[in-house]
């Protein structure tokens, strides 16, 4: 006899997935579902399994619900991988508060990316960026507000665009790769402020949500101006579900981790979230890897392309 608790758990997991994926940011409750760590939906599984086994009920529904929750958390994600000939790294470096220029430069050199996108690169030490650039002479450096892009490819030009509702800017770097234009968009989107929910200040949550919608509008206008291959990378503060995520994917193309990554791909390990991304149009991601960090609350995401 099937367990009603197991059926209820399955219905719960399905409902959370549908609301978080397709309603997402449209309402505050579903926004919370979309942005919550997906491992939360696995927490009831031990209790459900204990109940099923003690009561000697059929395990099919409990197994299905558990597998679905694990799939939603990205635990079963697996894609074939191969070597690429263009490496792009995105990394939120937390203003250098947990590292120093020499250590960061050494780590970046060892990774060997052709293009490096840094967020929170408004370093606490005003000499940090100068020392970092001196330690990486093979790269040219461009900066805008708190994002910086380093590249070993020929730079055609750079542009900056204001992001609404904060002091951040988008840095657009036009490069040449394999004798073709390649546009790199380095962005750090605002955070959805969820803590005010505990204080009952839902209006503040809505304001930060609406600000992000405006910011994505800026990214869309940038993408519309670009011919040829384009890559959006950065700390987008967006989990791989919900309305904003799907809109970014529609604008800039495939999610590199989704196409060429393995495992959950958590780039914000303290909350087990994947919020740093690379989206690409007219580039083929063939390997996406979340690397160990060197002094940040985020982890770097390295993607190889062809």
C-alpha atoms as a PDB file:
ATOM      1  CA  UNK A   1       0.000   0.000   0.000  1.00  0.00           C
ATOM      2  CA  UNK A   2       1.491   3.381  -0.952  1.00  0.00           C
ATOM      3  CA  UNK A   3       2.228   5.872   1.807  1.00  0.00           C
ATOM      4  CA  UNK A   4       0.163   9.056   1.868  1.00  0.00           C
ATOM      5  CA  UNK A   5       3.188  10.855   3.297  1.00  0.00           C
ATOM      6  CA  UNK A   6       5.316   9.769   0.319  1.00  0.00           C
ATOM      7  CA  UNK A   7       2.613  10.909  -2.105  1.00  0.00           C
ATOM      8  CA  UNK A   8       2.374  14.237  -0.289  1.00  0.00           C
ATOM      9  CA  UNK A   9       6.157  14.659  -0.522  1.00  0.00           C
ATOM     10  CA  UNK A  10       6.079  13.939  -4.248  1.00  0.00           C
ATOM     11  CA  UNK A  11       3.278  16.467  -4.745  1.00  0.00           C
ATOM     12  CA  UNK A  12       5.236  19.005  -2.684  1.00  0.00           C
ATOM     13  CA  UNK A  13       8.410  18.585  -4.755  1.00  0.00           C
ATOM     14  CA  UNK A  14       6.472  18.880  -8.024  1.00  0.00           C
ATOM     15  CA  UNK A  15       4.625  21.978  -6.831  1.00  0.00           C
ATOM     16  CA  UNK A  16       7.811  23.682  -5.661  1.00  0.00           C
ATOM     17  CA  UNK A  17       9.509  22.958  -8.988  1.00  0.00           C
ATOM     18  CA  UNK A  18       6.596  24.203 -11.118  1.00  0.00           C
ATOM     19  CA  UNK A  19       6.059  27.387  -9.086  1.00  0.00           C
ATOM     20  CA  UNK A  20       9.760  28.220  -8.822  1.00  0.00           C
ATOM     21  CA  UNK A  21      10.449  27.532 -12.486  1.00  0.00           C
ATOM     22  CA  UNK A  22       7.444  29.029 -14.247  1.00  0.00           C
ATOM     23  CA  UNK A  23       6.076  31.634 -11.820  1.00  0.00           C
ATOM     24  CA  UNK A  24       9.350  32.528 -10.129  1.00  0.00           C
ATOM     25  CA  UNK A  25       9.851  36.243  -9.588  1.00  0.00           C
ATOM     26  CA  UNK A  26       6.276  37.200 -10.450  1.00  0.00           C
ATOM     27  CA  UNK A  27       5.184  36.904  -6.800  1.00  0.00           C
ATOM     28  CA  UNK A  28       7.130  37.144  -3.561  1.00  0.00           C
ATOM     29  CA  UNK A  29       6.227  33.621  -2.337  1.00  0.00           C
ATOM     30  CA  UNK A  30       7.255  31.965  -5.598  1.00  0.00           C
ATOM     31  CA  UNK A  31      10.366  34.149  -5.751  1.00  0.00           C
ATOM     32  CA  UNK A  32      11.358  32.654  -2.402  1.00  0.00           C
ATOM     33  CA  UNK A  33      10.835  29.175  -3.827  1.00  0.00           C
ATOM     34  CA  UNK A  34      12.951  29.942  -6.904  1.00  0.00           C
ATOM     35  CA  UNK A  35      15.835  31.519  -4.972  1.00  0.00           C
ATOM     36  CA  UNK A  36      15.963  29.140  -2.006  1.00  0.00           C
ATOM     37  CA  UNK A  37      18.804  26.568  -1.923  1.00  0.00           C
ATOM     38  CA  UNK A  38      17.358  23.550  -3.777  1.00  0.00           C
ATOM     39  CA  UNK A  39      18.847  21.137  -1.256  1.00  0.00           C
ATOM     40  CA  UNK A  40      16.095  22.300   1.106  1.00  0.00           C
ATOM     41  CA  UNK A  41      13.610  20.178  -0.808  1.00  0.00           C
ATOM     42  CA  UNK A  42      15.655  17.072   0.043  1.00  0.00           C
ATOM     43  CA  UNK A  43      15.440  17.679   3.788  1.00  0.00           C
ATOM     44  CA  UNK A  44      12.076  15.906   4.246  1.00  0.00           C
ATOM     45  CA  UNK A  45      13.364  12.774   2.473  1.00  0.00           C
ATOM     46  CA  UNK A  46      14.887  11.024   5.542  1.00  0.00           C
ATOM     47  CA  UNK A  47      11.663  11.496   7.510  1.00  0.00           C
ATOM     48  CA  UNK A  48       9.582  10.194   4.607  1.00  0.00           C
ATOM     49  CA  UNK A  49      11.840   7.158   4.185  1.00  0.00           C
ATOM     50  CA  UNK A  50      11.778   6.427   7.909  1.00  0.00           C
ATOM     51  CA  UNK A  51       7.986   6.544   7.895  1.00  0.00           C
ATOM     52  CA  UNK A  52       7.714   4.329   4.808  1.00  0.00           C
ATOM     53  CA  UNK A  53      10.127   1.701   6.130  1.00  0.00           C
ATOM     54  CA  UNK A  54       8.714   1.610   9.645  1.00  0.00           C
ATOM     55  CA  UNK A  55       5.163   1.317   8.328  1.00  0.00           C
ATOM     56  CA  UNK A  56       6.303  -1.203   5.707  1.00  0.00           C
ATOM     57  CA  UNK A  57       4.752   0.696   2.845  1.00  0.00           C
ATOM     58  CA  UNK A  58       5.770   0.526  -0.801  1.00  0.00           C
ATOM     59  CA  UNK A  59       8.817   2.660  -1.484  1.00  0.00           C
ATOM     60  CA  UNK A  60       8.096   3.629  -5.104  1.00  0.00           C
ATOM     61  CA  UNK A  61       6.602   7.077  -4.466  1.00  0.00           C
ATOM     62  CA  UNK A  62       9.211   7.936  -1.842  1.00  0.00           C
ATOM     63  CA  UNK A  63      11.970   6.930  -4.257  1.00  0.00           C
ATOM     64  CA  UNK A  64      10.456   8.961  -7.088  1.00  0.00           C
ATOM     65  CA  UNK A  65      10.058  12.054  -4.904  1.00  0.00           C
ATOM     66  CA  UNK A  66      13.624  11.792  -3.598  1.00  0.00           C
ATOM     67  CA  UNK A  67      15.089  11.337  -7.073  1.00  0.00           C
ATOM     68  CA  UNK A  68      13.077  14.276  -8.384  1.00  0.00           C
ATOM     69  CA  UNK A  69      14.278  16.523  -5.551  1.00  0.00           C
ATOM     70  CA  UNK A  70      17.891  15.436  -6.147  1.00  0.00           C
ATOM     71  CA  UNK A  71      17.511  16.071  -9.882  1.00  0.00           C
ATOM     72  CA  UNK A  72      16.115  19.532  -9.178  1.00  0.00           C
ATOM     73  CA  UNK A  73      19.160  20.256  -7.020  1.00  0.00           C
ATOM     74  CA  UNK A  74      21.442  19.367  -9.948  1.00  0.00           C
ATOM     75  CA  UNK A  75      22.974  16.340  -8.263  1.00  0.00           C
ATOM     76  CA  UNK A  76      22.494  14.168 -11.356  1.00  0.00           C
ATOM     77  CA  UNK A  77      23.646  16.769 -13.887  1.00  0.00           C
ATOM     78  CA  UNK A  78      26.249  15.290 -16.237  1.00  0.00           C
ATOM     79  CA  UNK A  79      27.385  16.378 -19.695  1.00  0.00           C
ATOM     80  CA  UNK A  80      30.043  15.041 -22.031  1.00  0.00           C
ATOM     81  CA  UNK A  81      33.174  17.189 -21.984  1.00  0.00           C
ATOM     82  CA  UNK A  82      36.167  17.823 -24.212  1.00  0.00           C
ATOM     83  CA  UNK A  83      39.009  20.315 -24.501  1.00  0.00           C
ATOM     84  CA  UNK A  84      38.327  23.722 -26.002  1.00  0.00           C
ATOM     85  CA  UNK A  85      40.537  26.388 -27.548  1.00  0.00           C
ATOM     86  CA  UNK A  86      39.083  29.414 -25.735  1.00  0.00           C
ATOM     87  CA  UNK A  87      39.002  29.571 -21.935  1.00  0.00           C
ATOM     88  CA  UNK A  88      36.833  32.091 -20.095  1.00  0.00           C
ATOM     89  CA  UNK A  89      36.812  32.529 -16.321  1.00  0.00           C
ATOM     90  CA  UNK A  90      34.295  34.457 -14.232  1.00  0.00           C
ATOM     91  CA  UNK A  91      34.998  35.114 -10.569  1.00  0.00           C
ATOM     92  CA  UNK A  92      33.572  37.340  -7.844  1.00  0.00           C
ATOM     93  CA  UNK A  93      36.688  38.222  -5.839  1.00  0.00           C
ATOM     94  CA  UNK A  94      34.945  39.884  -2.845  1.00  0.00           C
ATOM     95  CA  UNK A  95      36.941  43.120  -3.162  1.00  0.00           C
ATOM     96  CA  UNK A  96      40.137  41.266  -2.350  1.00  0.00           C
ATOM     97  CA  UNK A  97      39.259  41.191   1.348  1.00  0.00           C
ATOM     98  CA  UNK A  98      40.318  37.552   1.690  1.00  0.00           C
ATOM     99  CA  UNK A  99      43.396  37.508  -0.520  1.00  0.00           C
ATOM    100  CA  UNK A 100      46.206  39.704  -1.844  1.00  0.00           C
ATOM    101  CA  UNK A 101      47.338  40.692  -5.358  1.00  0.00           C
ATOM    102  CA  UNK A 102      50.204  38.199  -5.530  1.00  0.00           C
ATOM    103  CA  UNK A 103      48.080  35.235  -4.444  1.00  0.00           C
ATOM    104  CA  UNK A 104      45.218  36.129  -6.769  1.00  0.00           C
ATOM    105  CA  UNK A 105      47.548  36.754  -9.720  1.00  0.00           C
ATOM    106  CA  UNK A 106      49.280  33.407  -9.183  1.00  0.00           C
ATOM    107  CA  UNK A 107      45.940  31.586  -9.088  1.00  0.00           C
ATOM    108  CA  UNK A 108      44.714  33.316 -12.246  1.00  0.00           C
ATOM    109  CA  UNK A 109      47.953  32.585 -14.087  1.00  0.00           C
ATOM    110  CA  UNK A 110      47.761  28.908 -13.149  1.00  0.00           C
ATOM    111  CA  UNK A 111      44.198  28.693 -14.464  1.00  0.00           C
ATOM    112  CA  UNK A 112      45.417  30.099 -17.763  1.00  0.00           C
ATOM    113  CA  UNK A 113      42.161  31.566 -19.046  1.00  0.00           C
ATOM    114  CA  UNK A 114      42.220  33.676 -22.193  1.00  0.00           C
ATOM    115  CA  UNK A 115      39.542  35.980 -20.769  1.00  0.00           C
ATOM    116  CA  UNK A 116      38.971  36.711 -17.070  1.00  0.00           C
ATOM    117  CA  UNK A 117      35.838  38.421 -15.787  1.00  0.00           C
ATOM    118  CA  UNK A 118      36.088  39.750 -12.235  1.00  0.00           C
ATOM    119  CA  UNK A 119      33.247  41.098 -10.122  1.00  0.00           C
ATOM    120  CA  UNK A 120      33.560  43.042  -6.875  1.00  0.00           C
ATOM    121  CA  UNK A 121      36.890  44.185  -8.254  1.00  0.00           C
ATOM    122  CA  UNK A 122      36.559  47.556  -6.516  1.00  0.00           C
ATOM    123  CA  UNK A 123      39.313  46.412  -4.200  1.00  0.00           C
ATOM    124  CA  UNK A 124      39.553  47.667  -0.630  1.00  0.00           C
ATOM    125  CA  UNK A 125      43.241  48.431  -1.265  1.00  0.00           C
ATOM    126  CA  UNK A 126      43.510  51.205  -3.897  1.00  0.00           C
ATOM    127  CA  UNK A 127      46.810  49.725  -5.088  1.00  0.00           C
ATOM    128  CA  UNK A 128      45.402  46.209  -5.472  1.00  0.00           C
ATOM    129  CA  UNK A 129      44.400  46.453  -9.128  1.00  0.00           C
ATOM    130  CA  UNK A 130      47.694  48.117 -10.098  1.00  0.00           C
ATOM    131  CA  UNK A 131      49.684  45.330  -8.465  1.00  0.00           C
ATOM    132  CA  UNK A 132      47.417  42.680  -9.982  1.00  0.00           C
ATOM    133  CA  UNK A 133      47.910  44.108 -13.478  1.00  0.00           C
ATOM    134  CA  UNK A 134      51.676  44.279 -12.927  1.00  0.00           C
ATOM    135  CA  UNK A 135      51.701  40.603 -11.945  1.00  0.00           C
ATOM    136  CA  UNK A 136      49.758  39.677 -15.102  1.00  0.00           C
ATOM    137  CA  UNK A 137      51.567  41.611 -17.868  1.00  0.00           C
ATOM    138  CA  UNK A 138      50.318  39.234 -20.564  1.00  0.00           C
ATOM    139  CA  UNK A 139      46.758  40.512 -20.044  1.00  0.00           C
ATOM    140  CA  UNK A 140      45.196  43.836 -20.952  1.00  0.00           C
ATOM    141  CA  UNK A 141      42.908  45.183 -18.233  1.00  0.00           C
ATOM    142  CA  UNK A 142      39.669  47.155 -18.531  1.00  0.00           C
ATOM    143  CA  UNK A 143      37.487  48.238 -15.613  1.00  0.00           C
ATOM    144  CA  UNK A 144      34.087  49.794 -14.976  1.00  0.00           C
ATOM    145  CA  UNK A 145      32.809  50.544 -11.471  1.00  0.00           C
ATOM    146  CA  UNK A 146      33.315  47.204  -9.678  1.00  0.00           C
ATOM    147  CA  UNK A 147      33.876  44.854 -12.622  1.00  0.00           C
ATOM    148  CA  UNK A 148      37.121  44.234 -14.498  1.00  0.00           C
ATOM    149  CA  UNK A 149      37.966  42.215 -17.595  1.00  0.00           C
ATOM    150  CA  UNK A 150      41.426  40.886 -18.379  1.00  0.00           C
ATOM    151  CA  UNK A 151      42.191  39.352 -21.751  1.00  0.00           C
ATOM    152  CA  UNK A 152      45.055  38.030 -23.842  1.00  0.00           C
ATOM    153  CA  UNK A 153      43.063  38.574 -27.037  1.00  0.00           C
ATOM    154  CA  UNK A 154      43.255  41.723 -29.176  1.00  0.00           C
ATOM    155  CA  UNK A 155      40.906  44.408 -27.829  1.00  0.00           C
ATOM    156  CA  UNK A 156      38.959  46.434 -30.384  1.00  0.00           C
ATOM    157  CA  UNK A 157      37.117  48.713 -27.947  1.00  0.00           C
ATOM    158  CA  UNK A 158      35.338  48.797 -24.589  1.00  0.00           C
ATOM    159  CA  UNK A 159      32.009  50.271 -23.512  1.00  0.00           C
ATOM    160  CA  UNK A 160      30.309  50.830 -20.172  1.00  0.00           C
ATOM    161  CA  UNK A 161      26.604  50.943 -19.350  1.00  0.00           C
ATOM    162  CA  UNK A 162      24.943  51.958 -16.097  1.00  0.00           C
ATOM    163  CA  UNK A 163      22.861  49.399 -14.241  1.00  0.00           C
ATOM    164  CA  UNK A 164      19.643  50.897 -12.836  1.00  0.00           C
ATOM    165  CA  UNK A 165      18.990  51.138  -9.108  1.00  0.00           C
ATOM    166  CA  UNK A 166      22.600  50.727  -7.986  1.00  0.00           C
ATOM    167  CA  UNK A 167      26.106  52.053  -8.601  1.00  0.00           C
ATOM    168  CA  UNK A 168      27.259  49.173 -10.741  1.00  0.00           C
ATOM    169  CA  UNK A 169      28.112  49.209 -14.426  1.00  0.00           C
ATOM    170  CA  UNK A 170      28.225  46.654 -17.212  1.00  0.00           C
ATOM    171  CA  UNK A 171      31.574  46.375 -18.970  1.00  0.00           C
ATOM    172  CA  UNK A 172      31.418  45.378 -22.631  1.00  0.00           C
ATOM    173  CA  UNK A 173      34.702  44.382 -24.268  1.00  0.00           C
ATOM    174  CA  UNK A 174      34.860  43.892 -28.025  1.00  0.00           C
ATOM    175  CA  UNK A 175      37.583  41.424 -28.974  1.00  0.00           C
ATOM    176  CA  UNK A 176      38.888  39.576 -31.982  1.00  0.00           C
ATOM    177  CA  UNK A 177      39.105  35.791 -31.777  1.00  0.00           C
ATOM    178  CA  UNK A 178      39.968  33.563 -34.735  1.00  0.00           C
ATOM    179  CA  UNK A 179      39.691  36.646 -36.974  1.00  0.00           C
ATOM    180  CA  UNK A 180      36.070  37.166 -35.939  1.00  0.00           C
ATOM    181  CA  UNK A 181      34.472  39.643 -33.529  1.00  0.00           C
ATOM    182  CA  UNK A 182      33.700  38.401 -30.026  1.00  0.00           C
ATOM    183  CA  UNK A 183      31.803  40.546 -27.534  1.00  0.00           C
ATOM    184  CA  UNK A 184      32.241  39.922 -23.803  1.00  0.00           C
ATOM    185  CA  UNK A 185      29.658  41.315 -21.375  1.00  0.00           C
ATOM    186  CA  UNK A 186      30.826  41.408 -17.751  1.00  0.00           C
ATOM    187  CA  UNK A 187      27.997  42.069 -15.286  1.00  0.00           C
ATOM    188  CA  UNK A 188      27.179  41.903 -11.590  1.00  0.00           C
ATOM    189  CA  UNK A 189      23.422  42.092 -11.149  1.00  0.00           C
ATOM    190  CA  UNK A 190      21.812  43.289  -7.950  1.00  0.00           C
ATOM    191  CA  UNK A 191      20.780  40.874  -5.237  1.00  0.00           C
ATOM    192  CA  UNK A 192      17.177  40.097  -4.409  1.00  0.00           C
ATOM    193  CA  UNK A 193      16.952  41.175  -0.778  1.00  0.00           C
ATOM    194  CA  UNK A 194      15.199  38.297   0.977  1.00  0.00           C
ATOM    195  CA  UNK A 195      16.035  39.206   4.577  1.00  0.00           C
ATOM    196  CA  UNK A 196      13.288  41.897   4.730  1.00  0.00           C
ATOM    197  CA  UNK A 197      10.766  39.058   4.466  1.00  0.00           C
ATOM    198  CA  UNK A 198      11.569  38.230   8.090  1.00  0.00           C
ATOM    199  CA  UNK A 199      10.648  41.807   8.998  1.00  0.00           C
ATOM    200  CA  UNK A 200       7.492  41.760   6.916  1.00  0.00           C
ATOM    201  CA  UNK A 201       8.909  44.373   4.508  1.00  0.00           C
ATOM    202  CA  UNK A 202       7.677  42.802   1.281  1.00  0.00           C
ATOM    203  CA  UNK A 203       7.812  46.134  -0.521  1.00  0.00           C
ATOM    204  CA  UNK A 204      11.594  46.177  -0.256  1.00  0.00           C
ATOM    205  CA  UNK A 205      11.746  42.682  -1.697  1.00  0.00           C
ATOM    206  CA  UNK A 206       9.621  43.839  -4.620  1.00  0.00           C
ATOM    207  CA  UNK A 207      11.854  46.879  -5.182  1.00  0.00           C
ATOM    208  CA  UNK A 208      14.991  44.765  -5.454  1.00  0.00           C
ATOM    209  CA  UNK A 209      13.155  42.317  -7.709  1.00  0.00           C
ATOM    210  CA  UNK A 210      11.954  45.123  -9.994  1.00  0.00           C
ATOM    211  CA  UNK A 211      15.439  46.653 -10.084  1.00  0.00           C
ATOM    212  CA  UNK A 212      16.818  43.366 -11.388  1.00  0.00           C
ATOM    213  CA  UNK A 213      14.169  43.313 -14.098  1.00  0.00           C
ATOM    214  CA  UNK A 214      15.346  46.764 -15.222  1.00  0.00           C
ATOM    215  CA  UNK A 215      18.959  45.601 -15.154  1.00  0.00           C
ATOM    216  CA  UNK A 216      18.158  42.642 -17.390  1.00  0.00           C
ATOM    217  CA  UNK A 217      16.521  45.140 -19.741  1.00  0.00           C
ATOM    218  CA  UNK A 218      19.883  46.916 -20.026  1.00  0.00           C
ATOM    219  CA  UNK A 219      21.586  43.621 -20.846  1.00  0.00           C
ATOM    220  CA  UNK A 220      18.969  42.937 -23.498  1.00  0.00           C
ATOM    221  CA  UNK A 221      19.581  46.313 -25.149  1.00  0.00           C
ATOM    222  CA  UNK A 222      23.315  45.557 -25.210  1.00  0.00           C
ATOM    223  CA  UNK A 223      22.745  42.153 -26.811  1.00  0.00           C
ATOM    224  CA  UNK A 224      20.558  43.684 -29.512  1.00  0.00           C
ATOM    225  CA  UNK A 225      23.449  45.941 -30.558  1.00  0.00           C
ATOM    226  CA  UNK A 226      25.874  43.042 -31.011  1.00  0.00           C
ATOM    227  CA  UNK A 227      26.505  41.150 -34.225  1.00  0.00           C
ATOM    228  CA  UNK A 228      28.292  37.829 -34.032  1.00  0.00           C
ATOM    229  CA  UNK A 229      29.396  35.837 -31.025  1.00  0.00           C
ATOM    230  CA  UNK A 230      28.561  37.244 -27.596  1.00  0.00           C
ATOM    231  CA  UNK A 231      29.196  35.974 -24.074  1.00  0.00           C
ATOM    232  CA  UNK A 232      27.563  37.204 -20.876  1.00  0.00           C
ATOM    233  CA  UNK A 233      29.448  36.252 -17.739  1.00  0.00           C
ATOM    234  CA  UNK A 234      29.478  37.268 -14.130  1.00  0.00           C
ATOM    235  CA  UNK A 235      27.863  37.099 -10.743  1.00  0.00           C
ATOM    236  CA  UNK A 236      24.258  37.366 -11.870  1.00  0.00           C
ATOM    237  CA  UNK A 237      22.765  36.541  -8.467  1.00  0.00           C
ATOM    238  CA  UNK A 238      20.306  34.317 -10.297  1.00  0.00           C
ATOM    239  CA  UNK A 239      19.720  30.600  -9.708  1.00  0.00           C
ATOM    240  CA  UNK A 240      19.190  28.368 -12.778  1.00  0.00           C
ATOM    241  CA  UNK A 241      15.398  28.631 -12.657  1.00  0.00           C
ATOM    242  CA  UNK A 242      12.728  31.287 -12.704  1.00  0.00           C
ATOM    243  CA  UNK A 243      11.709  34.070 -15.069  1.00  0.00           C
ATOM    244  CA  UNK A 244      14.936  36.113 -14.949  1.00  0.00           C
ATOM    245  CA  UNK A 245      17.114  33.080 -15.656  1.00  0.00           C
ATOM    246  CA  UNK A 246      15.024  32.042 -18.657  1.00  0.00           C
ATOM    247  CA  UNK A 247      15.068  35.594 -19.981  1.00  0.00           C
ATOM    248  CA  UNK A 248      18.860  35.768 -19.759  1.00  0.00           C
ATOM    249  CA  UNK A 249      19.084  32.446 -21.567  1.00  0.00           C
ATOM    250  CA  UNK A 250      16.709  33.656 -24.268  1.00  0.00           C
ATOM    251  CA  UNK A 251      18.738  36.844 -24.755  1.00  0.00           C
ATOM    252  CA  UNK A 252      22.301  35.511 -24.648  1.00  0.00           C
ATOM    253  CA  UNK A 253      21.979  31.843 -25.522  1.00  0.00           C
ATOM    254  CA  UNK A 254      22.812  28.635 -23.747  1.00  0.00           C
ATOM    255  CA  UNK A 255      23.946  28.320 -20.155  1.00  0.00           C
ATOM    256  CA  UNK A 256      27.500  26.969 -20.341  1.00  0.00           C
ATOM    257  CA  UNK A 257      27.217  24.828 -17.215  1.00  0.00           C
ATOM    258  CA  UNK A 258      23.925  23.399 -18.369  1.00  0.00           C
ATOM    259  CA  UNK A 259      25.504  22.499 -21.716  1.00  0.00           C
ATOM    260  CA  UNK A 260      28.941  21.321 -20.574  1.00  0.00           C
ATOM    261  CA  UNK A 261      29.080  21.038 -16.788  1.00  0.00           C
ATOM    262  CA  UNK A 262      28.837  18.223 -14.291  1.00  0.00           C
ATOM    263  CA  UNK A 263      27.233  18.162 -10.880  1.00  0.00           C
ATOM    264  CA  UNK A 264      25.304  20.978  -9.220  1.00  0.00           C
ATOM    265  CA  UNK A 265      27.911  23.623 -10.097  1.00  0.00           C
ATOM    266  CA  UNK A 266      27.578  25.580  -6.872  1.00  0.00           C
ATOM    267  CA  UNK A 267      29.490  28.858  -7.176  1.00  0.00           C
ATOM    268  CA  UNK A 268      28.222  30.221  -3.841  1.00  0.00           C
ATOM    269  CA  UNK A 269      29.105  27.272  -1.631  1.00  0.00           C
ATOM    270  CA  UNK A 270      27.900  28.553   1.737  1.00  0.00           C
ATOM    271  CA  UNK A 271      24.277  28.339   0.540  1.00  0.00           C
ATOM    272  CA  UNK A 272      24.852  25.665  -2.126  1.00  0.00           C
ATOM    273  CA  UNK A 273      23.717  27.975  -4.929  1.00  0.00           C
ATOM    274  CA  UNK A 274      24.709  28.328  -8.593  1.00  0.00           C
ATOM    275  CA  UNK A 275      24.431  32.072  -9.193  1.00  0.00           C
ATOM    276  CA  UNK A 276      27.540  32.819 -11.315  1.00  0.00           C
ATOM    277  CA  UNK A 277      27.015  32.040 -14.975  1.00  0.00           C
ATOM    278  CA  UNK A 278      28.214  32.235 -18.544  1.00  0.00           C
ATOM    279  CA  UNK A 279      25.653  32.460 -21.345  1.00  0.00           C
ATOM    280  CA  UNK A 280      26.841  32.280 -24.939  1.00  0.00           C
ATOM    281  CA  UNK A 281      25.597  32.841 -28.442  1.00  0.00           C
ATOM    282  CA  UNK A 282      27.545  31.456 -31.417  1.00  0.00           C
ATOM    283  CA  UNK A 283      30.086  29.770 -29.132  1.00  0.00           C
ATOM    284  CA  UNK A 284      30.102  26.071 -28.281  1.00  0.00           C
ATOM    285  CA  UNK A 285      30.813  25.338 -24.595  1.00  0.00           C
ATOM    286  CA  UNK A 286      32.615  22.001 -24.305  1.00  0.00           C
ATOM    287  CA  UNK A 287      33.691  21.975 -20.653  1.00  0.00           C
ATOM    288  CA  UNK A 288      32.447  23.931 -17.626  1.00  0.00           C
ATOM    289  CA  UNK A 289      34.156  23.531 -14.266  1.00  0.00           C
ATOM    290  CA  UNK A 290      33.716  25.178 -10.882  1.00  0.00           C
ATOM    291  CA  UNK A 291      37.226  25.561  -9.470  1.00  0.00           C
ATOM    292  CA  UNK A 292      38.493  25.863  -5.889  1.00  0.00           C
ATOM    293  CA  UNK A 293      38.442  29.435  -4.643  1.00  0.00           C
ATOM    294  CA  UNK A 294      41.328  31.625  -3.525  1.00  0.00           C
ATOM    295  CA  UNK A 295      39.950  34.055  -0.994  1.00  0.00           C
ATOM    296  CA  UNK A 296      36.303  34.747  -1.783  1.00  0.00           C
ATOM    297  CA  UNK A 297      32.827  33.664  -0.766  1.00  0.00           C
ATOM    298  CA  UNK A 298      32.290  32.695  -4.418  1.00  0.00           C
ATOM    299  CA  UNK A 299      34.023  30.036  -6.496  1.00  0.00           C
ATOM    300  CA  UNK A 300      35.417  30.686  -9.998  1.00  0.00           C
ATOM    301  CA  UNK A 301      33.653  29.236 -13.032  1.00  0.00           C
ATOM    302  CA  UNK A 302      35.923  28.222 -15.921  1.00  0.00           C
ATOM    303  CA  UNK A 303      34.400  27.380 -19.301  1.00  0.00           C
ATOM    304  CA  UNK A 304      36.167  26.119 -22.410  1.00  0.00           C
ATOM    305  CA  UNK A 305      34.691  26.913 -25.820  1.00  0.00           C
ATOM    306  CA  UNK A 306      35.149  26.064 -29.445  1.00  0.00           C
END
